[in-house]
Amino acid sequence: MLFRGIVNLSGRSTALDQPYWYVGISFAILAIVSLFFQKKNSK
Protein backbone atom coordinates (compact mmCIF):
# COMPACT_ATOMS: atom_id res chain seq x y z
CA MET A 1 0.00 0.00 0.00
CA LEU A 2 0.95 3.69 -0.06
CA PHE A 3 2.04 3.61 3.58
CA ARG A 4 4.49 0.76 2.93
CA GLY A 5 5.91 2.65 -0.04
CA ILE A 6 6.49 5.74 2.10
CA VAL A 7 8.28 3.65 4.75
CA ASN A 8 10.41 1.99 2.05
CA LEU A 9 11.33 5.38 0.56
CA SER A 10 12.62 6.62 3.92
CA GLY A 11 14.83 3.52 4.15
CA ARG A 12 17.06 3.05 7.20
CA SER A 13 17.50 6.75 8.01
CA THR A 14 15.38 7.61 11.05
CA ALA A 15 15.96 11.35 10.49
CA LEU A 16 13.80 11.17 7.34
CA ASP A 17 11.32 8.82 9.03
CA GLN A 18 9.57 11.53 11.05
CA PRO A 19 8.29 13.78 8.19
CA TYR A 20 7.02 10.75 6.25
CA TRP A 21 5.05 9.57 9.30
CA TYR A 22 3.48 13.03 9.69
CA VAL A 23 2.49 13.06 6.01
CA GLY A 24 0.96 9.58 6.27
CA ILE A 25 -0.96 10.43 9.44
CA SER A 26 -2.20 13.73 8.02
CA PHE A 27 -3.43 11.93 4.86
CA ALA A 28 -5.26 9.36 7.02
CA ILE A 29 -6.90 12.13 9.09
CA LEU A 30 -7.93 13.99 5.92
CA ALA A 31 -9.50 10.81 4.49
CA ILE A 32 -11.44 10.14 7.72
CA VAL A 33 -12.62 13.78 7.95
CA SER A 34 -13.75 13.81 4.30
CA LEU A 35 -15.68 10.56 4.82
CA PHE A 36 -17.29 12.03 7.94
CA PHE A 37 -18.42 15.16 6.06
CA GLN A 38 -19.75 13.06 3.15
CA LYS A 39 -21.89 11.03 5.56
CA LYS A 40 -23.19 14.21 7.23
CA ASN A 41 -24.06 15.82 3.88
CA SER A 42 -25.90 12.73 2.58
CA LYS A 43 -28.29 12.67 5.57
PDB file of N, CA and C in Angstrom:
ATOM      1  N   MET A   1       0.830  -1.203   0.000  1.00  0.00           N
ATOM      2  CA  MET A   1       0.000   0.000   0.000  1.00  0.00           C
ATOM      3  C   MET A   1       0.868   1.259   0.000  1.00  0.00           C
ATOM      4  N   LEU A   2       0.225   2.411  -0.027  1.00  0.00           N
ATOM      5  CA  LEU A   2       0.950   3.690  -0.064  1.00  0.00           C
ATOM      6  C   LEU A   2       1.834   3.849   1.160  1.00  0.00           C
ATOM      7  N   PHE A   3       1.297   3.440   2.333  1.00  0.00           N
ATOM      8  CA  PHE A   3       2.043   3.610   3.581  1.00  0.00           C
ATOM      9  C   PHE A   3       3.345   2.825   3.546  1.00  0.00           C
ATOM     10  N   ARG A   4       3.292   1.591   3.018  1.00  0.00           N
ATOM     11  CA  ARG A   4       4.495   0.760   2.934  1.00  0.00           C
ATOM     12  C   ARG A   4       5.515   1.405   1.993  1.00  0.00           C
ATOM     13  N   GLY A   5       5.023   1.977   0.905  1.00  0.00           N
ATOM     14  CA  GLY A   5       5.912   2.646  -0.041  1.00  0.00           C
ATOM     15  C   GLY A   5       6.624   3.827   0.601  1.00  0.00           C
ATOM     16  N   ILE A   6       5.891   4.588   1.411  1.00  0.00           N
ATOM     17  CA  ILE A   6       6.489   5.742   2.102  1.00  0.00           C
ATOM     18  C   ILE A   6       7.579   5.258   3.050  1.00  0.00           C
ATOM     19  N   VAL A   7       7.298   4.184   3.793  1.00  0.00           N
ATOM     20  CA  VAL A   7       8.276   3.649   4.747  1.00  0.00           C
ATOM     21  C   VAL A   7       9.508   3.151   3.993  1.00  0.00           C
ATOM     22  N   ASN A   8       9.282   2.498   2.839  1.00  0.00           N
ATOM     23  CA  ASN A   8      10.406   1.986   2.052  1.00  0.00           C
ATOM     24  C   ASN A   8      11.250   3.135   1.500  1.00  0.00           C
ATOM     25  N   LEU A   9      10.614   4.227   1.095  1.00  0.00           N
ATOM     26  CA  LEU A   9      11.333   5.385   0.558  1.00  0.00           C
ATOM     27  C   LEU A   9      12.278   5.968   1.602  1.00  0.00           C
ATOM     28  N   SER A  10      11.799   6.037   2.851  1.00  0.00           N
ATOM     29  CA  SER A  10      12.621   6.617   3.917  1.00  0.00           C
ATOM     30  C   SER A  10      13.835   5.742   4.192  1.00  0.00           C
ATOM     31  N   GLY A  11      13.691   4.430   3.977  1.00  0.00           N
ATOM     32  CA  GLY A  11      14.826   3.521   4.148  1.00  0.00           C
ATOM     33  C   GLY A  11      15.239   3.374   5.599  1.00  0.00           C
ATOM     34  N   ARG A  12      16.557   3.288   5.842  1.00  0.00           N
ATOM     35  CA  ARG A  12      17.064   3.049   7.196  1.00  0.00           C
ATOM     36  C   ARG A  12      17.195   4.343   7.999  1.00  0.00           C
ATOM     37  N   SER A  13      17.263   5.481   7.314  1.00  0.00           N
ATOM     38  CA  SER A  13      17.504   6.753   8.007  1.00  0.00           C
ATOM     39  C   SER A  13      16.286   7.141   8.843  1.00  0.00           C
ATOM     40  N   THR A  14      16.484   7.258  10.153  1.00  0.00           N
ATOM     41  CA  THR A  14      15.385   7.614  11.053  1.00  0.00           C
ATOM     42  C   THR A  14      15.123   9.121  11.010  1.00  0.00           C
ATOM     43  N   ALA A  15      16.118   9.898  10.565  1.00  0.00           N
ATOM     44  CA  ALA A  15      15.960  11.352  10.488  1.00  0.00           C
ATOM     45  C   ALA A  15      14.869  11.700   9.467  1.00  0.00           C
ATOM     46  N   LEU A  16      14.811  10.930   8.365  1.00  0.00           N
ATOM     47  CA  LEU A  16      13.799  11.170   7.337  1.00  0.00           C
ATOM     48  C   LEU A  16      12.476  10.501   7.692  1.00  0.00           C
ATOM     49  N   ASP A  17      12.515   9.577   8.665  1.00  0.00           N
ATOM     50  CA  ASP A  17      11.316   8.825   9.026  1.00  0.00           C
ATOM     51  C   ASP A  17      10.206   9.736   9.545  1.00  0.00           C
ATOM     52  N   GLN A  18      10.569  10.702  10.382  1.00  0.00           N
ATOM     53  CA  GLN A  18       9.568  11.535  11.049  1.00  0.00           C
ATOM     54  C   GLN A  18       8.645  12.274  10.069  1.00  0.00           C
ATOM     55  N   PRO A  19       9.168  13.041   9.113  1.00  0.00           N
ATOM     56  CA  PRO A  19       8.292  13.781   8.187  1.00  0.00           C
ATOM     57  C   PRO A  19       7.352  12.856   7.428  1.00  0.00           C
ATOM     58  N   TYR A  20       7.853  11.684   7.007  1.00  0.00           N
ATOM     59  CA  TYR A  20       7.015  10.747   6.253  1.00  0.00           C
ATOM     60  C   TYR A  20       5.851  10.262   7.108  1.00  0.00           C
ATOM     61  N   TRP A  21       6.114  10.008   8.390  1.00  0.00           N
ATOM     62  CA  TRP A  21       5.046   9.572   9.299  1.00  0.00           C
ATOM     63  C   TRP A  21       3.996  10.665   9.423  1.00  0.00           C
ATOM     64  N   TYR A  22       4.434  11.919   9.568  1.00  0.00           N
ATOM     65  CA  TYR A  22       3.480  13.029   9.694  1.00  0.00           C
ATOM     66  C   TYR A  22       2.612  13.146   8.440  1.00  0.00           C
ATOM     67  N   VAL A  23       3.240  12.978   7.277  1.00  0.00           N
ATOM     68  CA  VAL A  23       2.493  13.057   6.013  1.00  0.00           C
ATOM     69  C   VAL A  23       1.458  11.939   5.947  1.00  0.00           C
ATOM     70  N   GLY A  24       1.875  10.725   6.308  1.00  0.00           N
ATOM     71  CA  GLY A  24       0.958   9.582   6.268  1.00  0.00           C
ATOM     72  C   GLY A  24      -0.210   9.763   7.221  1.00  0.00           C
ATOM     73  N   ILE A  25       0.091  10.226   8.439  1.00  0.00           N
ATOM     74  CA  ILE A  25      -0.959  10.425   9.443  1.00  0.00           C
ATOM     75  C   ILE A  25      -1.911  11.537   8.999  1.00  0.00           C
ATOM     76  N   SER A  26      -1.355  12.618   8.457  1.00  0.00           N
ATOM     77  CA  SER A  26      -2.203  13.733   8.019  1.00  0.00           C
ATOM     78  C   SER A  26      -3.125  13.292   6.880  1.00  0.00           C
ATOM     79  N   PHE A  27      -2.597  12.454   5.956  1.00  0.00           N
ATOM     80  CA  PHE A  27      -3.426  11.935   4.865  1.00  0.00           C
ATOM     81  C   PHE A  27      -4.557  11.079   5.412  1.00  0.00           C
ATOM     82  N   ALA A  28      -4.243  10.233   6.415  1.00  0.00           N
ATOM     83  CA  ALA A  28      -5.259   9.361   7.018  1.00  0.00           C
ATOM     84  C   ALA A  28      -6.346  10.202   7.684  1.00  0.00           C
ATOM     85  N   ILE A  29      -5.938  11.249   8.407  1.00  0.00           N
ATOM     86  CA  ILE A  29      -6.902  12.127   9.086  1.00  0.00           C
ATOM     87  C   ILE A  29      -7.784  12.834   8.049  1.00  0.00           C
ATOM     88  N   LEU A  30      -7.167  13.310   6.970  1.00  0.00           N
ATOM     89  CA  LEU A  30      -7.927  13.985   5.916  1.00  0.00           C
ATOM     90  C   LEU A  30      -8.971  13.047   5.319  1.00  0.00           C
ATOM     91  N   ALA A  31      -8.584  11.794   5.070  1.00  0.00           N
ATOM     92  CA  ALA A  31      -9.504  10.814   4.490  1.00  0.00           C
ATOM     93  C   ALA A  31     -10.680  10.563   5.429  1.00  0.00           C
ATOM     94  N   ILE A  32     -10.391  10.406   6.730  1.00  0.00           N
ATOM     95  CA  ILE A  32     -11.444  10.145   7.721  1.00  0.00           C
ATOM     96  C   ILE A  32     -12.385  11.349   7.816  1.00  0.00           C
ATOM     97  N   VAL A  33     -11.805  12.557   7.841  1.00  0.00           N
ATOM     98  CA  VAL A  33     -12.618  13.775   7.949  1.00  0.00           C
ATOM     99  C   VAL A  33     -13.510  13.928   6.719  1.00  0.00           C
ATOM    100  N   SER A  34     -12.965  13.681   5.527  1.00  0.00           N
ATOM    101  CA  SER A  34     -13.748  13.814   4.298  1.00  0.00           C
ATOM    102  C   SER A  34     -14.895  12.806   4.281  1.00  0.00           C
ATOM    103  N   LEU A  35     -14.622  11.573   4.739  1.00  0.00           N
ATOM    104  CA  LEU A  35     -15.676  10.559   4.816  1.00  0.00           C
ATOM    105  C   LEU A  35     -16.763  11.003   5.790  1.00  0.00           C
ATOM    106  N   PHE A  36     -16.346  11.566   6.912  1.00  0.00           N
ATOM    107  CA  PHE A  36     -17.286  12.031   7.940  1.00  0.00           C
ATOM    108  C   PHE A  36     -18.210  13.106   7.368  1.00  0.00           C
ATOM    109  N   PHE A  37     -17.626  14.069   6.638  1.00  0.00           N
ATOM    110  CA  PHE A  37     -18.421  15.157   6.065  1.00  0.00           C
ATOM    111  C   PHE A  37     -19.362  14.632   4.984  1.00  0.00           C
ATOM    112  N   GLN A  38     -18.904  13.650   4.196  1.00  0.00           N
ATOM    113  CA  GLN A  38     -19.749  13.065   3.153  1.00  0.00           C
ATOM    114  C   GLN A  38     -20.974  12.400   3.774  1.00  0.00           C
ATOM    115  N   LYS A  39     -20.772  11.692   4.886  1.00  0.00           N
ATOM    116  CA  LYS A  39     -21.892  11.030   5.564  1.00  0.00           C
ATOM    117  C   LYS A  39     -22.869  12.064   6.120  1.00  0.00           C
ATOM    118  N   LYS A  40     -22.338  13.163   6.666  1.00  0.00           N
ATOM    119  CA  LYS A  40     -23.194  14.213   7.233  1.00  0.00           C
ATOM    120  C   LYS A  40     -24.005  14.893   6.130  1.00  0.00           C
ATOM    121  N   ASN A  41     -23.383  15.125   4.978  1.00  0.00           N
ATOM    122  CA  ASN A  41     -24.064  15.818   3.883  1.00  0.00           C
ATOM    123  C   ASN A  41     -25.151  14.947   3.262  1.00  0.00           C
ATOM    124  N   SER A  42     -24.937  13.627   3.230  1.00  0.00           N
ATOM    125  CA  SER A  42     -25.896  12.730   2.585  1.00  0.00           C
ATOM    126  C   SER A  42     -27.188  12.623   3.397  1.00  0.00           C
ATOM    127  N   LYS A  43     -27.097  12.827   4.713  1.00  0.00           N
ATOM    128  CA  LYS A  43     -28.293  12.668   5.569  1.00  0.00           C
ATOM    129  C   LYS A  43     -29.233  13.863   5.476  1.00  0.00           C
TER     130      LYS A  43
END
